[in-house]
Protein backbone atom coordinates (compact mmCIF):
# COMPACT_ATOMS: atom_id res chain seq x y z
CA MET A 1 38.26 42.53 152.58
CA SER A 2 41.25 43.97 150.30
CA THR A 3 44.68 43.47 151.76
CA ASP A 4 45.81 46.61 149.72
CA THR A 5 47.05 49.13 152.07
CA SER A 6 48.64 51.57 149.63
CA ALA A 7 45.76 53.97 149.59
CA THR A 8 45.80 54.11 153.65
CA SER A 9 49.69 53.96 153.96
CA GLY A 10 50.34 56.92 151.87
CA ARG A 11 52.84 54.86 149.81
CA SER A 12 52.55 54.71 146.06
CA THR A 13 53.26 51.18 144.32
CA THR A 14 53.92 52.78 141.14
CA ARG A 15 57.34 51.99 139.79
CA PRO A 16 59.55 54.67 138.48
CA TYR A 17 59.47 54.75 134.55
CA ARG A 18 62.72 54.33 133.11
CA SER A 19 62.95 55.12 129.44
CA PRO A 20 65.37 52.99 127.37
CA ARG A 21 66.05 55.81 124.93
CA ARG A 22 67.01 57.93 127.72
CA GLN A 23 69.34 55.59 129.19
CA LEU A 24 70.89 54.98 125.77
CA GLN A 25 71.30 58.67 125.21
CA ALA A 26 72.84 58.92 128.74
CA ALA A 27 75.37 56.22 128.07
CA ARG A 28 76.20 57.74 124.69
CA THR A 29 76.80 61.29 126.36
CA ARG A 30 78.99 59.56 129.17
CA ALA A 31 81.06 57.88 126.62
CA ALA A 32 81.73 60.81 124.60
CA VAL A 33 82.52 62.79 127.57
CA LEU A 34 84.99 60.37 128.52
CA ALA A 35 86.69 60.01 125.35
CA THR A 36 87.08 63.82 125.27
CA ALA A 37 88.39 63.74 128.67
CA THR A 38 90.99 61.13 128.04
CA ASP A 39 91.97 63.00 124.66
CA LEU A 40 92.48 66.34 126.77
CA PHE A 41 93.92 64.81 129.75
CA THR A 42 96.74 62.92 127.72
CA SER A 43 97.72 66.01 125.67
CA ARG A 44 97.23 68.67 128.20
CA GLY A 45 97.82 67.02 131.37
CA TRP A 46 95.78 67.33 134.66
CA ALA A 47 96.50 70.69 135.62
CA GLY A 48 95.93 71.75 131.86
CA THR A 49 92.53 70.38 131.59
CA SER A 50 89.37 72.14 133.08
CA MET A 51 85.82 70.86 133.19
CA ARG A 52 85.01 73.81 131.07
CA ASP A 53 87.51 72.52 128.46
CA VAL A 54 85.94 68.96 128.34
CA ALA A 55 82.32 70.28 128.62
CA HIS A 56 83.50 72.89 125.67
CA THR A 57 85.03 70.19 123.49
CA ALA A 58 82.30 67.58 123.99
CA GLU A 59 79.68 70.14 123.21
CA VAL A 60 77.85 69.55 126.59
CA SER A 61 77.48 71.65 129.67
CA VAL A 62 79.75 71.41 132.65
CA GLU A 63 76.53 70.35 134.78
CA THR A 64 76.07 67.46 132.16
CA ILE A 65 79.49 66.18 133.10
CA TYR A 66 78.64 66.40 136.82
CA SER A 67 75.73 64.42 136.41
CA ALA A 68 76.91 61.74 134.01
CA VAL A 69 80.18 61.14 135.70
CA GLY A 70 81.08 63.47 138.62
CA PRO A 71 83.94 66.00 139.47
CA LYS A 72 87.29 66.17 137.68
CA ALA A 73 88.73 63.62 139.89
CA ALA A 74 86.09 61.13 139.08
CA LEU A 75 86.15 62.01 135.40
CA LEU A 76 89.89 61.11 135.41
CA LYS A 77 89.56 57.95 137.37
CA ALA A 78 86.74 56.71 135.22
CA ALA A 79 88.91 57.56 132.14
CA VAL A 80 91.55 55.30 133.63
CA ASP A 81 89.12 52.36 134.47
CA ILE A 82 87.87 52.34 130.73
CA ALA A 83 91.67 52.29 129.59
CA VAL A 84 92.45 49.41 131.78
CA VAL A 85 89.68 47.06 130.15
CA GLY A 86 89.30 48.89 126.94
CA ASP A 87 85.68 49.70 126.92
CA ALA A 88 83.06 51.11 128.93
CA GLU A 89 81.36 47.98 129.86
CA PRO A 90 80.88 47.37 133.62
CA SER A 91 82.43 43.64 133.35
CA PRO A 92 85.82 43.61 135.52
CA LEU A 93 89.09 42.66 134.00
CA ALA A 94 89.05 39.19 136.01
CA ASP A 95 85.90 38.41 133.91
CA ARG A 96 87.50 39.18 130.48
CA SER A 97 88.21 36.52 127.91
CA ALA A 98 91.68 37.88 127.81
CA PHE A 99 92.53 37.49 131.39
CA ILE A 100 90.64 34.20 131.72
CA ARG A 101 92.88 32.79 128.86
CA ILE A 102 95.93 33.28 131.40
CA GLY A 103 94.56 30.39 133.21
CA THR A 104 92.81 28.27 130.61
CA ALA A 105 95.39 28.06 127.80
CA PRO A 106 96.53 24.59 127.06
CA THR A 107 100.28 25.02 127.70
CA ARG A 108 102.37 26.86 130.28
CA HIS A 109 103.97 29.03 127.47
CA GLU A 110 100.68 29.85 125.96
CA ARG A 111 99.47 31.20 129.12
CA ILE A 112 102.61 33.31 129.72
CA ASP A 113 102.18 34.56 126.30
CA ALA A 114 98.45 35.57 126.66
CA ALA A 115 99.58 37.19 130.00
CA ALA A 116 102.10 39.03 127.92
CA HIS A 117 99.78 40.03 125.12
CA LEU A 118 97.14 41.25 127.65
CA THR A 119 99.91 43.33 129.50
CA ALA A 120 101.04 44.87 126.30
CA ASP A 121 97.23 45.90 125.31
CA ILE A 122 96.84 47.34 128.93
CA ASN A 123 99.93 49.23 129.12
CA GLU A 124 99.48 50.63 125.48
CA ARG A 125 96.17 52.12 126.30
CA THR A 126 96.84 53.23 129.98
CA HIS A 127 100.39 54.60 130.23
CA ARG A 128 99.76 58.16 129.34
CA ILE A 129 96.36 58.50 131.22
CA VAL A 130 97.85 56.70 134.26
CA GLU A 131 100.67 59.26 134.22
CA VAL A 132 98.36 61.97 134.20
CA LEU A 133 96.82 60.19 137.46
CA ARG A 134 100.23 60.38 139.02
CA ALA A 135 100.71 63.95 138.05
CA GLY A 136 97.09 64.84 139.74
CA ALA A 137 97.83 62.85 142.78
CA ARG A 138 100.53 65.42 143.90
CA THR A 139 97.89 68.03 144.32
CA GLU A 140 94.46 66.34 144.66
CA PRO A 141 93.88 64.09 147.79
CA ALA A 142 91.11 62.09 145.93
CA LEU A 143 93.50 61.08 143.19
CA ARG A 144 96.19 60.33 145.66
CA THR A 145 93.97 57.82 147.15
CA GLU A 146 93.08 56.17 143.89
CA VAL A 147 96.65 55.85 143.05
CA ILE A 148 97.43 53.82 146.16
CA ALA A 149 94.37 51.88 145.53
CA ALA A 150 95.04 51.14 141.80
CA THR A 151 98.60 50.32 142.74
CA GLN A 152 97.15 47.55 145.02
CA ARG A 153 94.83 46.39 142.62
CA ARG A 154 97.58 45.98 139.85
CA TYR A 155 99.56 44.17 142.25
CA ASP A 156 96.78 41.60 143.34
CA THR A 157 96.09 41.18 139.59
CA VAL A 158 99.67 40.24 138.87
CA ALA A 159 99.76 37.73 141.87
CA GLU A 160 96.66 36.12 140.56
CA ALA A 161 97.97 35.84 136.91
CA ALA A 162 100.89 34.29 138.21
CA ARG A 163 99.00 31.56 140.31
CA MET A 164 96.83 30.99 137.39
CA ILE A 165 99.74 30.48 135.00
CA SER A 166 101.98 28.26 137.52
CA GLY A 167 98.97 26.63 139.37
CA HIS A 168 100.36 27.58 142.93
CA ASP A 169 100.91 30.76 144.87
CA LEU A 170 104.54 32.21 144.07
CA PRO A 171 106.97 33.80 146.69
CA PRO A 172 106.22 37.58 147.04
CA ASP A 173 109.71 38.67 145.74
CA ARG A 174 108.96 37.03 142.48
CA ILE A 175 105.65 38.87 142.52
CA ASP A 176 107.56 42.05 142.95
CA GLU A 177 109.53 41.30 139.97
CA LEU A 178 106.57 40.55 137.67
CA TRP A 179 104.81 43.65 139.07
CA ALA A 180 107.86 45.76 138.22
CA LEU A 181 108.37 43.98 134.80
CA THR A 182 104.80 44.57 133.83
CA SER A 183 104.36 48.42 134.91
CA ASP A 184 103.22 50.91 132.50
CA GLN A 185 106.56 52.98 133.55
CA VAL A 186 108.77 50.17 131.82
CA TYR A 187 106.44 50.10 128.79
CA HIS A 188 106.91 53.77 128.42
CA LEU A 189 110.66 53.50 128.67
CA LEU A 190 110.88 51.01 125.87
CA ALA A 191 108.02 51.75 123.79
CA ASP A 192 108.37 55.65 123.79
CA GLU A 193 111.63 56.39 124.91
CA ARG A 194 113.65 53.82 122.94
CA GLY A 195 111.06 53.12 120.23
CA TRP A 196 110.34 49.55 120.65
CA SER A 197 107.51 48.16 118.29
CA ARG A 198 104.63 46.45 120.18
CA ALA A 199 105.78 42.92 118.80
CA ARG A 200 109.29 43.31 120.15
CA TYR A 201 107.91 44.55 123.65
CA THR A 202 105.67 41.48 123.77
CA ALA A 203 108.37 39.16 122.70
CA TRP A 204 110.77 40.67 125.37
CA LEU A 205 108.10 40.62 127.72
CA THR A 206 106.99 36.99 127.25
CA GLY A 207 110.73 35.99 127.59
CA ARG A 208 111.41 37.72 130.75
CA MET A 209 108.16 36.49 132.34
CA GLU A 210 109.40 32.82 131.40
CA GLU A 211 112.43 33.31 133.14
CA ILE A 212 110.86 34.65 136.35
CA LEU A 213 108.16 31.86 136.39
CA ASP A 214 110.27 28.98 135.39
CA ARG A 215 112.99 29.83 138.06
CA PRO A 216 113.46 27.01 140.61
CA GLU A 217 112.09 28.10 144.08
């Protein structure tokens, strides 16, 4: 006797068909929408950028944006997430080779240097879009929640990086200093307001991080 009950249970065992071509096209559409949104957000700001603006510039419909990413707040959040890691791949920052090197480089100086270079990379990509996120958070509750969560994530990342460099947990006040030092706001002041080059900022950051991490406890 057959044990197949699909005919009598009313449930189909057919798996949904997923077209690789459609998935690739969807990924490309999402990437194009997010690239356009990033350009518009950073040039026009949160209030000056509408979903219709993004759709028109990306040459898609507003409905397509909602389907591919979500509403305006989700669009900005996704743009920030991509800026942090540098691409649209789902791998988190902690799994990236640049972050792993902070704990695996042979010498303490090299580990600090790796952290400084990664910080410079992230701040260079994110400081303008993160400022848009903060501006949007003044009026949009969903973004206000995201700012709080992102702030905590960055603090936790700084604490983990410091532990990877030193081999042990550091006192909270030392983490506070590193968290402030590596912020996108400080990068903005030095790179944008004072015109520091990438090399000068990275060298300065490496030196200040060494001072904090090498300070006797």
